[in-house]
Amino acid sequence: MYRPAVVERKDVEAALQARHELGPEYDDQIVDALAEKIEKRLDERMQAKAPGRPQHLDLRLPLGSMALGVGVTAVATSNAHGAGGVIIAIVAWIAIGVVNIVYAARR
């Protein structure tokens, strides 16, 4: 897959030519203009990758929820005999699922 350069050679050459023509007293302005162009292209790339969505996947909440769910299920089914323990476990898993869905929707 071809990815265009953040800074094209012609941009750097133009900055060097401007510095040559204007002299060292304009170095700050030339560097600022080139940096602004680089930042703009990087922003465009980031927006094209995933507008509004983070690129990393945070698994702490889902894995922690599963561990909590297993623990709750074990306690609920060992202490409450019959259908009561199963109902408690189901309610706990539904609550854990709702928390995960709300968290994912907010991101």
PDB file of N, CA and C in Angstrom:
ATOM      1  N   MET A   1       0.841  -1.176   0.000  1.00  0.00           N
ATOM      2  CA  MET A   1       0.000   0.000   0.000  1.00  0.00           C
ATOM      3  C   MET A   1       0.890   1.243   0.000  1.00  0.00           C
ATOM      4  N   TYR A   2       0.639   2.157  -0.899  1.00  0.00           N
ATOM      5  CA  TYR A   2       1.419   3.393  -0.995  1.00  0.00           C
ATOM      6  C   TYR A   2       0.858   4.412  -0.029  1.00  0.00           C
ATOM      7  N   ARG A   3       1.754   5.009   0.730  1.00  0.00           N
ATOM      8  CA  ARG A   3       1.378   6.093   1.627  1.00  0.00           C
ATOM      9  C   ARG A   3       2.196   7.310   1.262  1.00  0.00           C
ATOM     10  N   PRO A   4       1.546   8.418   0.935  1.00  0.00           N
ATOM     11  CA  PRO A   4       2.309   9.620   0.579  1.00  0.00           C
ATOM     12  C   PRO A   4       3.127  10.108   1.763  1.00  0.00           C
ATOM     13  N   ALA A   5       4.258  10.694   1.448  1.00  0.00           N
ATOM     14  CA  ALA A   5       5.154  11.196   2.491  1.00  0.00           C
ATOM     15  C   ALA A   5       4.493  12.339   3.248  1.00  0.00           C
ATOM     16  N   VAL A   6       4.837  12.447   4.510  1.00  0.00           N
ATOM     17  CA  VAL A   6       4.319  13.551   5.314  1.00  0.00           C
ATOM     18  C   VAL A   6       4.873  14.859   4.769  1.00  0.00           C
ATOM     19  N   VAL A   7       6.154  14.843   4.434  1.00  0.00           N
ATOM     20  CA  VAL A   7       6.795  16.006   3.834  1.00  0.00           C
ATOM     21  C   VAL A   7       7.355  15.559   2.492  1.00  0.00           C
ATOM     22  N   GLU A   8       6.895  16.192   1.459  1.00  0.00           N
ATOM     23  CA  GLU A   8       7.403  15.850   0.139  1.00  0.00           C
ATOM     24  C   GLU A   8       8.712  16.586  -0.110  1.00  0.00           C
ATOM     25  N   ARG A   9       9.493  16.020  -0.952  1.00  0.00           N
ATOM     26  CA  ARG A   9      10.806  16.599  -1.267  1.00  0.00           C
ATOM     27  C   ARG A   9      10.666  18.029  -1.783  1.00  0.00           C
ATOM     28  N   LYS A  10       9.645  18.265  -2.594  1.00  0.00           N
ATOM     29  CA  LYS A  10       9.463  19.617  -3.158  1.00  0.00           C
ATOM     30  C   LYS A  10       9.203  20.650  -2.062  1.00  0.00           C
ATOM     31  N   ASP A  11       8.526  20.230  -0.964  1.00  0.00           N
ATOM     32  CA  ASP A  11       8.273  21.156   0.143  1.00  0.00           C
ATOM     33  C   ASP A  11       9.566  21.547   0.856  1.00  0.00           C
ATOM     34  N   VAL A  12      10.416  20.563   1.071  1.00  0.00           N
ATOM     35  CA  VAL A  12      11.694  20.839   1.730  1.00  0.00           C
ATOM     36  C   VAL A  12      12.579  21.690   0.822  1.00  0.00           C
ATOM     37  N   GLU A  13      12.583  21.345  -0.472  1.00  0.00           N
ATOM     38  CA  GLU A  13      13.379  22.138  -1.412  1.00  0.00           C
ATOM     39  C   GLU A  13      12.890  23.578  -1.480  1.00  0.00           C
ATOM     40  N   ALA A  14      11.571  23.758  -1.439  1.00  0.00           N
ATOM     41  CA  ALA A  14      11.020  25.114  -1.464  1.00  0.00           C
ATOM     42  C   ALA A  14      11.423  25.889  -0.208  1.00  0.00           C
ATOM     43  N   ALA A  15      11.410  25.211   0.939  1.00  0.00           N
ATOM     44  CA  ALA A  15      11.817  25.867   2.182  1.00  0.00           C
ATOM     45  C   ALA A  15      13.295  26.255   2.126  1.00  0.00           C
ATOM     46  N   LEU A  16      14.120  25.362   1.598  1.00  0.00           N
ATOM     47  CA  LEU A  16      15.552  25.672   1.477  1.00  0.00           C
ATOM     48  C   LEU A  16      15.794  26.820   0.502  1.00  0.00           C
ATOM     49  N   GLN A  17      15.042  26.825  -0.590  1.00  0.00           N
ATOM     50  CA  GLN A  17      15.184  27.899  -1.578  1.00  0.00           C
ATOM     51  C   GLN A  17      14.752  29.239  -0.967  1.00  0.00           C
ATOM     52  N   ALA A  18      13.654  29.210  -0.222  1.00  0.00           N
ATOM     53  CA  ALA A  18      13.191  30.441   0.429  1.00  0.00           C
ATOM     54  C   ALA A  18      14.222  30.939   1.433  1.00  0.00           C
ATOM     55  N   ARG A  19      14.825  30.029   2.157  1.00  0.00           N
ATOM     56  CA  ARG A  19      15.850  30.416   3.121  1.00  0.00           C
ATOM     57  C   ARG A  19      17.056  31.007   2.412  1.00  0.00           C
ATOM     58  N   HIS A  20      17.391  30.429   1.267  1.00  0.00           N
ATOM     59  CA  HIS A  20      18.523  30.926   0.489  1.00  0.00           C
ATOM     60  C   HIS A  20      18.243  32.340  -0.035  1.00  0.00           C
ATOM     61  N   GLU A  21      17.018  32.548  -0.505  1.00  0.00           N
ATOM     62  CA  GLU A  21      16.661  33.855  -1.075  1.00  0.00           C
ATOM     63  C   GLU A  21      16.434  34.912   0.002  1.00  0.00           C
ATOM     64  N   LEU A  22      15.800  34.528   1.116  1.00  0.00           N
ATOM     65  CA  LEU A  22      15.439  35.515   2.133  1.00  0.00           C
ATOM     66  C   LEU A  22      16.529  35.733   3.175  1.00  0.00           C
ATOM     67  N   GLY A  23      17.348  34.723   3.368  1.00  0.00           N
ATOM     68  CA  GLY A  23      18.421  34.853   4.352  1.00  0.00           C
ATOM     69  C   GLY A  23      18.037  34.265   5.692  1.00  0.00           C
ATOM     70  N   PRO A  24      19.020  34.154   6.584  1.00  0.00           N
ATOM     71  CA  PRO A  24      18.796  33.501   7.880  1.00  0.00           C
ATOM     72  C   PRO A  24      17.849  34.250   8.806  1.00  0.00           C
ATOM     73  N   GLU A  25      17.598  35.517   8.560  1.00  0.00           N
ATOM     74  CA  GLU A  25      16.695  36.248   9.451  1.00  0.00           C
ATOM     75  C   GLU A  25      15.241  35.775   9.324  1.00  0.00           C
ATOM     76  N   TYR A  26      14.916  35.015   8.295  1.00  0.00           N
ATOM     77  CA  TYR A  26      13.556  34.488   8.109  1.00  0.00           C
ATOM     78  C   TYR A  26      13.474  32.996   8.456  1.00  0.00           C
ATOM     79  N   ASP A  27      14.496  32.459   9.098  1.00  0.00           N
ATOM     80  CA  ASP A  27      14.516  31.029   9.427  1.00  0.00           C
ATOM     81  C   ASP A  27      13.293  30.602  10.239  1.00  0.00           C
ATOM     82  N   ASP A  28      12.954  31.393  11.255  1.00  0.00           N
ATOM     83  CA  ASP A  28      11.820  31.018  12.111  1.00  0.00           C
ATOM     84  C   ASP A  28      10.520  30.913  11.319  1.00  0.00           C
ATOM     85  N   GLN A  29      10.263  31.864  10.449  1.00  0.00           N
ATOM     86  CA  GLN A  29       9.029  31.845   9.666  1.00  0.00           C
ATOM     87  C   GLN A  29       9.011  30.677   8.684  1.00  0.00           C
ATOM     88  N   ILE A  30      10.145  30.395   8.088  1.00  0.00           N
ATOM     89  CA  ILE A  30      10.222  29.287   7.130  1.00  0.00           C
ATOM     90  C   ILE A  30       9.999  27.956   7.839  1.00  0.00           C
ATOM     91  N   VAL A  31      10.648  27.775   8.984  1.00  0.00           N
ATOM     92  CA  VAL A  31      10.487  26.539   9.749  1.00  0.00           C
ATOM     93  C   VAL A  31       9.044  26.404  10.240  1.00  0.00           C
ATOM     94  N   ASP A  32       8.455  27.499  10.705  1.00  0.00           N
ATOM     95  CA  ASP A  32       7.066  27.455  11.167  1.00  0.00           C
ATOM     96  C   ASP A  32       6.112  27.061  10.046  1.00  0.00           C
ATOM     97  N   ALA A  33       6.338  27.606   8.861  1.00  0.00           N
ATOM     98  CA  ALA A  33       5.473  27.281   7.727  1.00  0.00           C
ATOM     99  C   ALA A  33       5.594  25.802   7.355  1.00  0.00           C
ATOM    100  N   LEU A  34       6.818  25.278   7.360  1.00  0.00           N
ATOM    101  CA  LEU A  34       7.023  23.870   7.038  1.00  0.00           C
ATOM    102  C   LEU A  34       6.418  22.978   8.122  1.00  0.00           C
ATOM    103  N   ALA A  35       6.599  23.353   9.381  1.00  0.00           N
ATOM    104  CA  ALA A  35       6.017  22.574  10.481  1.00  0.00           C
ATOM    105  C   ALA A  35       4.493  22.580  10.419  1.00  0.00           C
ATOM    106  N   GLU A  36       3.905  23.706  10.065  1.00  0.00           N
ATOM    107  CA  GLU A  36       2.455  23.801   9.942  1.00  0.00           C
ATOM    108  C   GLU A  36       1.947  22.870   8.840  1.00  0.00           C
ATOM    109  N   LYS A  37       2.678  22.812   7.746  1.00  0.00           N
ATOM    110  CA  LYS A  37       2.304  21.924   6.642  1.00  0.00           C
ATOM    111  C   LYS A  37       2.377  20.458   7.084  1.00  0.00           C
ATOM    112  N   ILE A  38       3.411  20.121   7.845  1.00  0.00           N
ATOM    113  CA  ILE A  38       3.564  18.752   8.343  1.00  0.00           C
ATOM    114  C   ILE A  38       2.418  18.403   9.293  1.00  0.00           C
ATOM    115  N   GLU A  39       2.114  19.304  10.224  1.00  0.00           N
ATOM    116  CA  GLU A  39       1.026  19.061  11.165  1.00  0.00           C
ATOM    117  C   GLU A  39      -0.308  18.886  10.450  1.00  0.00           C
ATOM    118  N   LYS A  40      -0.549  19.686   9.434  1.00  0.00           N
ATOM    119  CA  LYS A  40      -1.790  19.588   8.678  1.00  0.00           C
ATOM    120  C   LYS A  40      -1.903  18.226   8.006  1.00  0.00           C
ATOM    121  N   ARG A  41      -0.820  17.762   7.413  1.00  0.00           N
ATOM    122  CA  ARG A  41      -0.853  16.452   6.739  1.00  0.00           C
ATOM    123  C   ARG A  41      -1.015  15.320   7.747  1.00  0.00           C
ATOM    124  N   LEU A  42      -0.381  15.443   8.908  1.00  0.00           N
ATOM    125  CA  LEU A  42      -0.549  14.411   9.936  1.00  0.00           C
ATOM    126  C   LEU A  42      -1.986  14.378  10.450  1.00  0.00           C
ATOM    127  N   ASP A  43      -2.575  15.544  10.644  1.00  0.00           N
ATOM    128  CA  ASP A  43      -3.982  15.608  11.064  1.00  0.00           C
ATOM    129  C   ASP A  43      -4.890  14.971  10.024  1.00  0.00           C
ATOM    130  N   GLU A  44      -4.624  15.232   8.747  1.00  0.00           N
ATOM    131  CA  GLU A  44      -5.426  14.635   7.678  1.00  0.00           C
ATOM    132  C   GLU A  44      -5.311  13.120   7.697  1.00  0.00           C
ATOM    133  N   ARG A  45      -4.110  12.615   7.930  1.00  0.00           N
ATOM    134  CA  ARG A  45      -3.911  11.161   8.002  1.00  0.00           C
ATOM    135  C   ARG A  45      -4.677  10.566   9.169  1.00  0.00           C
ATOM    136  N   MET A  46      -4.598  11.227  10.322  1.00  0.00           N
ATOM    137  CA  MET A  46      -5.282  10.701  11.496  1.00  0.00           C
ATOM    138  C   MET A  46      -6.795  10.696  11.288  1.00  0.00           C
ATOM    139  N   GLN A  47      -7.329  11.719  10.659  1.00  0.00           N
ATOM    140  CA  GLN A  47      -8.766  11.766  10.396  1.00  0.00           C
ATOM    141  C   GLN A  47      -9.173  10.705   9.386  1.00  0.00           C
ATOM    142  N   ALA A  48      -8.323  10.450   8.409  1.00  0.00           N
ATOM    143  CA  ALA A  48      -8.632   9.439   7.395  1.00  0.00           C
ATOM    144  C   ALA A  48      -8.580   8.038   7.982  1.00  0.00           C
ATOM    145  N   LYS A  49      -7.695   7.817   8.958  1.00  0.00           N
ATOM    146  CA  LYS A  49      -7.581   6.487   9.569  1.00  0.00           C
ATOM    147  C   LYS A  49      -8.866   6.094  10.266  1.00  0.00           C
ATOM    148  N   ALA A  50      -9.292   6.900  11.179  1.00  0.00           N
ATOM    149  CA  ALA A  50     -10.485   6.575  11.959  1.00  0.00           C
ATOM    150  C   ALA A  50     -11.067   7.844  12.535  1.00  0.00           C
ATOM    151  N   PRO A  51     -12.013   8.435  11.853  1.00  0.00           N
ATOM    152  CA  PRO A  51     -12.598   9.673  12.375  1.00  0.00           C
ATOM    153  C   PRO A  51     -13.382   9.427  13.662  1.00  0.00           C
ATOM    154  N   GLY A  52     -12.865   9.979  14.733  1.00  0.00           N
ATOM    155  CA  GLY A  52     -13.568   9.926  16.001  1.00  0.00           C
ATOM    156  C   GLY A  52     -13.452   8.624  16.772  1.00  0.00           C
ATOM    157  N   ARG A  53     -12.690   7.664  16.302  1.00  0.00           N
ATOM    158  CA  ARG A  53     -12.561   6.390  16.989  1.00  0.00           C
ATOM    159  C   ARG A  53     -11.111   6.148  17.385  1.00  0.00           C
ATOM    160  N   PRO A  54     -10.882   5.732  18.598  1.00  0.00           N
ATOM    161  CA  PRO A  54      -9.513   5.426  18.997  1.00  0.00           C
ATOM    162  C   PRO A  54      -8.993   4.186  18.285  1.00  0.00           C
ATOM    163  N   GLN A  55      -7.687   4.133  18.060  1.00  0.00           N
ATOM    164  CA  GLN A  55      -7.088   3.022  17.350  1.00  0.00           C
ATOM    165  C   GLN A  55      -6.724   1.861  18.261  1.00  0.00           C
ATOM    166  N   HIS A  56      -6.557   2.100  19.541  1.00  0.00           N
ATOM    167  CA  HIS A  56      -6.156   1.035  20.440  1.00  0.00           C
ATOM    168  C   HIS A  56      -7.384   0.356  21.032  1.00  0.00           C
ATOM    169  N   LEU A  57      -7.187  -0.861  21.445  1.00  0.00           N
ATOM    170  CA  LEU A  57      -8.263  -1.631  22.037  1.00  0.00           C
ATOM    171  C   LEU A  57      -7.935  -1.856  23.503  1.00  0.00           C
ATOM    172  N   ASP A  58      -8.748  -1.337  24.388  1.00  0.00           N
ATOM    173  CA  ASP A  58      -8.533  -1.459  25.823  1.00  0.00           C
ATOM    174  C   ASP A  58      -9.349  -2.641  26.336  1.00  0.00           C
ATOM    175  N   LEU A  59      -8.663  -3.676  26.755  1.00  0.00           N
ATOM    176  CA  LEU A  59      -9.335  -4.900  27.185  1.00  0.00           C
ATOM    177  C   LEU A  59      -9.482  -5.022  28.702  1.00  0.00           C
ATOM    178  N   ARG A  60      -9.086  -4.005  29.429  1.00  0.00           N
ATOM    179  CA  ARG A  60      -9.150  -4.107  30.886  1.00  0.00           C
ATOM    180  C   ARG A  60     -10.579  -4.290  31.393  1.00  0.00           C
ATOM    181  N   LEU A  61     -11.517  -3.485  30.908  1.00  0.00           N
ATOM    182  CA  LEU A  61     -12.889  -3.600  31.396  1.00  0.00           C
ATOM    183  C   LEU A  61     -13.529  -4.931  30.999  1.00  0.00           C
ATOM    184  N   PRO A  62     -13.464  -5.355  29.741  1.00  0.00           N
ATOM    185  CA  PRO A  62     -14.096  -6.643  29.401  1.00  0.00           C
ATOM    186  C   PRO A  62     -13.490  -7.832  30.155  1.00  0.00           C
ATOM    187  N   LEU A  63     -12.165  -7.872  30.273  1.00  0.00           N
ATOM    188  CA  LEU A  63     -11.536  -8.988  30.974  1.00  0.00           C
ATOM    189  C   LEU A  63     -11.834  -8.939  32.470  1.00  0.00           C
ATOM    190  N   GLY A  64     -11.803  -7.748  33.032  1.00  0.00           N
ATOM    191  CA  GLY A  64     -12.162  -7.603  34.442  1.00  0.00           C
ATOM    192  C   GLY A  64     -13.614  -7.971  34.692  1.00  0.00           C
ATOM    193  N   SER A  65     -14.472  -7.618  33.760  1.00  0.00           N
ATOM    194  CA  SER A  65     -15.889  -7.953  33.889  1.00  0.00           C
ATOM    195  C   SER A  65     -16.103  -9.460  33.857  1.00  0.00           C
ATOM    196  N   MET A  66     -15.372 -10.128  32.971  1.00  0.00           N
ATOM    197  CA  MET A  66     -15.502 -11.588  32.903  1.00  0.00           C
ATOM    198  C   MET A  66     -15.033 -12.234  34.204  1.00  0.00           C
ATOM    199  N   ALA A  67     -13.931 -11.742  34.737  1.00  0.00           N
ATOM    200  CA  ALA A  67     -13.436 -12.287  36.006  1.00  0.00           C
ATOM    201  C   ALA A  67     -14.442 -12.044  37.121  1.00  0.00           C
ATOM    202  N   LEU A  68     -15.001 -10.840  37.165  1.00  0.00           N
ATOM    203  CA  LEU A  68     -16.009 -10.525  38.169  1.00  0.00           C
ATOM    204  C   LEU A  68     -17.249 -11.395  37.982  1.00  0.00           C
ATOM    205  N   GLY A  69     -17.647 -11.584  36.734  1.00  0.00           N
ATOM    206  CA  GLY A  69     -18.822 -12.407  36.447  1.00  0.00           C
ATOM    207  C   GLY A  69     -18.647 -13.853  36.871  1.00  0.00           C
ATOM    208  N   VAL A  70     -17.469 -14.402  36.640  1.00  0.00           N
ATOM    209  CA  VAL A  70     -17.197 -15.781  37.056  1.00  0.00           C
ATOM    210  C   VAL A  70     -17.256 -15.883  38.572  1.00  0.00           C
ATOM    211  N   GLY A  71     -16.662 -14.900  39.250  1.00  0.00           N
ATOM    212  CA  GLY A  71     -16.704 -14.897  40.714  1.00  0.00           C
ATOM    213  C   GLY A  71     -18.115 -14.778  41.248  1.00  0.00           C
ATOM    214  N   VAL A  72     -18.900 -13.867  40.694  1.00  0.00           N
ATOM    215  CA  VAL A  72     -20.286 -13.673  41.130  1.00  0.00           C
ATOM    216  C   VAL A  72     -21.097 -14.935  40.877  1.00  0.00           C
ATOM    217  N   THR A  73     -20.878 -15.545  39.725  1.00  0.00           N
ATOM    218  CA  THR A  73     -21.607 -16.778  39.399  1.00  0.00           C
ATOM    219  C   THR A  73     -21.258 -17.888  40.391  1.00  0.00           C
ATOM    220  N   ALA A  74     -19.981 -18.015  40.720  1.00  0.00           N
ATOM    221  CA  ALA A  74     -19.565 -19.048  41.671  1.00  0.00           C
ATOM    222  C   ALA A  74     -20.190 -18.821  43.049  1.00  0.00           C
ATOM    223  N   VAL A  75     -20.157 -17.590  43.512  1.00  0.00           N
ATOM    224  CA  VAL A  75     -20.723 -17.285  44.825  1.00  0.00           C
ATOM    225  C   VAL A  75     -22.243 -17.457  44.810  1.00  0.00           C
ATOM    226  N   ALA A  76     -22.890 -16.952  43.766  1.00  0.00           N
ATOM    227  CA  ALA A  76     -24.354 -17.007  43.699  1.00  0.00           C
ATOM    228  C   ALA A  76     -24.857 -18.441  43.635  1.00  0.00           C
ATOM    229  N   THR A  77     -24.215 -19.285  42.873  1.00  0.00           N
ATOM    230  CA  THR A  77     -24.711 -20.655  42.735  1.00  0.00           C
ATOM    231  C   THR A  77     -24.297 -21.547  43.902  1.00  0.00           C
ATOM    232  N   SER A  78     -23.269 -21.158  44.651  1.00  0.00           N
ATOM    233  CA  SER A  78     -22.870 -21.998  45.785  1.00  0.00           C
ATOM    234  C   SER A  78     -23.651 -21.647  47.047  1.00  0.00           C
ATOM    235  N   ASN A  79     -24.020 -20.387  47.213  1.00  0.00           N
ATOM    236  CA  ASN A  79     -24.714 -19.961  48.429  1.00  0.00           C
ATOM    237  C   ASN A  79     -26.227 -20.030  48.320  1.00  0.00           C
ATOM    238  N   ALA A  80     -26.763 -19.791  47.158  1.00  0.00           N
ATOM    239  CA  ALA A  80     -28.219 -19.807  46.980  1.00  0.00           C
ATOM    240  C   ALA A  80     -28.579 -21.061  46.194  1.00  0.00           C
ATOM    241  N   HIS A  81     -29.257 -21.984  46.851  1.00  0.00           N
ATOM    242  CA  HIS A  81     -29.593 -23.248  46.196  1.00  0.00           C
ATOM    243  C   HIS A  81     -30.847 -23.080  45.339  1.00  0.00           C
ATOM    244  N   GLY A  82     -30.912 -23.869  44.285  1.00  0.00           N
ATOM    245  CA  GLY A  82     -32.083 -23.859  43.429  1.00  0.00           C
ATOM    246  C   GLY A  82     -32.038 -22.727  42.422  1.00  0.00           C
ATOM    247  N   ALA A  83     -33.212 -22.243  42.058  1.00  0.00           N
ATOM    248  CA  ALA A  83     -33.335 -21.227  41.013  1.00  0.00           C
ATOM    249  C   ALA A  83     -32.845 -19.865  41.473  1.00  0.00           C
ATOM    250  N   GLY A  84     -32.812 -19.606  42.751  1.00  0.00           N
ATOM    251  CA  GLY A  84     -32.384 -18.306  43.267  1.00  0.00           C
ATOM    252  C   GLY A  84     -30.959 -17.971  42.878  1.00  0.00           C
ATOM    253  N   GLY A  85     -30.064 -18.927  42.988  1.00  0.00           N
ATOM    254  CA  GLY A  85     -28.667 -18.698  42.624  1.00  0.00           C
ATOM    255  C   GLY A  85     -28.501 -18.451  41.136  1.00  0.00           C
ATOM    256  N   VAL A  86     -29.247 -19.174  40.337  1.00  0.00           N
ATOM    257  CA  VAL A  86     -29.172 -18.991  38.876  1.00  0.00           C
ATOM    258  C   VAL A  86     -29.706 -17.614  38.497  1.00  0.00           C
ATOM    259  N   ILE A  87     -30.789 -17.205  39.109  1.00  0.00           N
ATOM    260  CA  ILE A  87     -31.370 -15.890  38.806  1.00  0.00           C
ATOM    261  C   ILE A  87     -30.392 -14.784  39.198  1.00  0.00           C
ATOM    262  N   ILE A  88     -29.763 -14.912  40.355  1.00  0.00           N
ATOM    263  CA  ILE A  88     -28.777 -13.917  40.787  1.00  0.00           C
ATOM    264  C   ILE A  88     -27.621 -13.850  39.792  1.00  0.00           C
ATOM    265  N   ALA A  89     -27.146 -15.007  39.337  1.00  0.00           N
ATOM    266  CA  ALA A  89     -26.051 -15.046  38.366  1.00  0.00           C
ATOM    267  C   ALA A  89     -26.463 -14.396  37.051  1.00  0.00           C
ATOM    268  N   ILE A  90     -27.674 -14.673  36.596  1.00  0.00           N
ATOM    269  CA  ILE A  90     -28.162 -14.080  35.335  1.00  0.00           C
ATOM    270  C   ILE A  90     -28.264 -12.566  35.465  1.00  0.00           C
ATOM    271  N   VAL A  91     -28.802 -12.080  36.565  1.00  0.00           N
ATOM    272  CA  VAL A  91     -28.919 -10.634  36.790  1.00  0.00           C
ATOM    273  C   VAL A  91     -27.528  -9.991  36.827  1.00  0.00           C
ATOM    274  N   ALA A  92     -26.585 -10.661  37.471  1.00  0.00           N
ATOM    275  CA  ALA A  92     -25.222 -10.121  37.539  1.00  0.00           C
ATOM    276  C   ALA A  92     -24.605 -10.037  36.140  1.00  0.00           C
ATOM    277  N   TRP A  93     -24.768 -11.081  35.335  1.00  0.00           N
ATOM    278  CA  TRP A  93     -24.203 -11.065  33.979  1.00  0.00           C
ATOM    279  C   TRP A  93     -24.879 -10.004  33.104  1.00  0.00           C
ATOM    280  N   ILE A  94     -26.172  -9.820  33.271  1.00  0.00           N
ATOM    281  CA  ILE A  94     -26.870  -8.761  32.505  1.00  0.00           C
ATOM    282  C   ILE A  94     -26.335  -7.394  32.916  1.00  0.00           C
ATOM    283  N   ALA A  95     -26.144  -7.169  34.208  1.00  0.00           N
ATOM    284  CA  ALA A  95     -25.603  -5.890  34.685  1.00  0.00           C
ATOM    285  C   ALA A  95     -24.196  -5.667  34.137  1.00  0.00           C
ATOM    286  N   ILE A  96     -23.381  -6.699  34.154  1.00  0.00           N
ATOM    287  CA  ILE A  96     -22.018  -6.584  33.620  1.00  0.00           C
ATOM    288  C   ILE A  96     -22.063  -6.272  32.126  1.00  0.00           C
ATOM    289  N   GLY A  97     -22.962  -6.928  31.403  1.00  0.00           N
ATOM    290  CA  GLY A  97     -23.099  -6.658  29.969  1.00  0.00           C
ATOM    291  C   GLY A  97     -23.527  -5.227  29.695  1.00  0.00           C
ATOM    292  N   VAL A  98     -24.471  -4.722  30.479  1.00  0.00           N
ATOM    293  CA  VAL A  98     -24.939  -3.341  30.303  1.00  0.00           C
ATOM    294  C   VAL A  98     -23.803  -2.352  30.561  1.00  0.00           C
ATOM    295  N   VAL A  99     -23.031  -2.592  31.608  1.00  0.00           N
ATOM    296  CA  VAL A  99     -21.899  -1.699  31.900  1.00  0.00           C
ATOM    297  C   VAL A  99     -20.913  -1.689  30.745  1.00  0.00           C
ATOM    298  N   ASN A 100     -20.594  -2.853  30.186  1.00  0.00           N
ATOM    299  CA  ASN A 100     -19.671  -2.929  29.063  1.00  0.00           C
ATOM    300  C   ASN A 100     -20.217  -2.244  27.821  1.00  0.00           C
ATOM    301  N   ILE A 101     -21.492  -2.404  27.547  1.00  0.00           N
ATOM    302  CA  ILE A 101     -22.093  -1.769  26.372  1.00  0.00           C
ATOM    303  C   ILE A 101     -22.097  -0.247  26.527  1.00  0.00           C
ATOM    304  N   VAL A 102     -22.474   0.240  27.696  1.00  0.00           N
ATOM    305  CA  VAL A 102     -22.480   1.690  27.944  1.00  0.00           C
ATOM    306  C   VAL A 102     -21.066   2.251  27.822  1.00  0.00           C
ATOM    307  N   TYR A 103     -20.093   1.550  28.375  1.00  0.00           N
ATOM    308  CA  TYR A 103     -18.710   1.998  28.284  1.00  0.00           C
ATOM    309  C   TYR A 103     -18.247   2.059  26.835  1.00  0.00           C
ATOM    310  N   ALA A 104     -18.549   1.021  26.073  1.00  0.00           N
ATOM    311  CA  ALA A 104     -18.131   0.986  24.657  1.00  0.00           C
ATOM    312  C   ALA A 104     -18.823   2.085  23.850  1.00  0.00           C
ATOM    313  N   ALA A 105     -20.068   2.362  24.156  1.00  0.00           N
ATOM    314  CA  ALA A 105     -20.813   3.402  23.421  1.00  0.00           C
ATOM    315  C   ALA A 105     -20.274   4.795  23.724  1.00  0.00           C
ATOM    316  N   ARG A 106     -19.798   5.015  24.922  1.00  0.00           N
ATOM    317  CA  ARG A 106     -19.268   6.335  25.296  1.00  0.00           C
ATOM    318  C   ARG A 106     -17.925   6.611  24.656  1.00  0.00           C
ATOM    319  N   ARG A 107     -17.177   5.586  24.255  1.00  0.00           N
ATOM    320  CA  ARG A 107     -15.864   5.768  23.656  1.00  0.00           C
ATOM    321  C   ARG A 107     -16.079   6.087  22.218  1.00  0.00           C
TER     322      ARG A 107
END
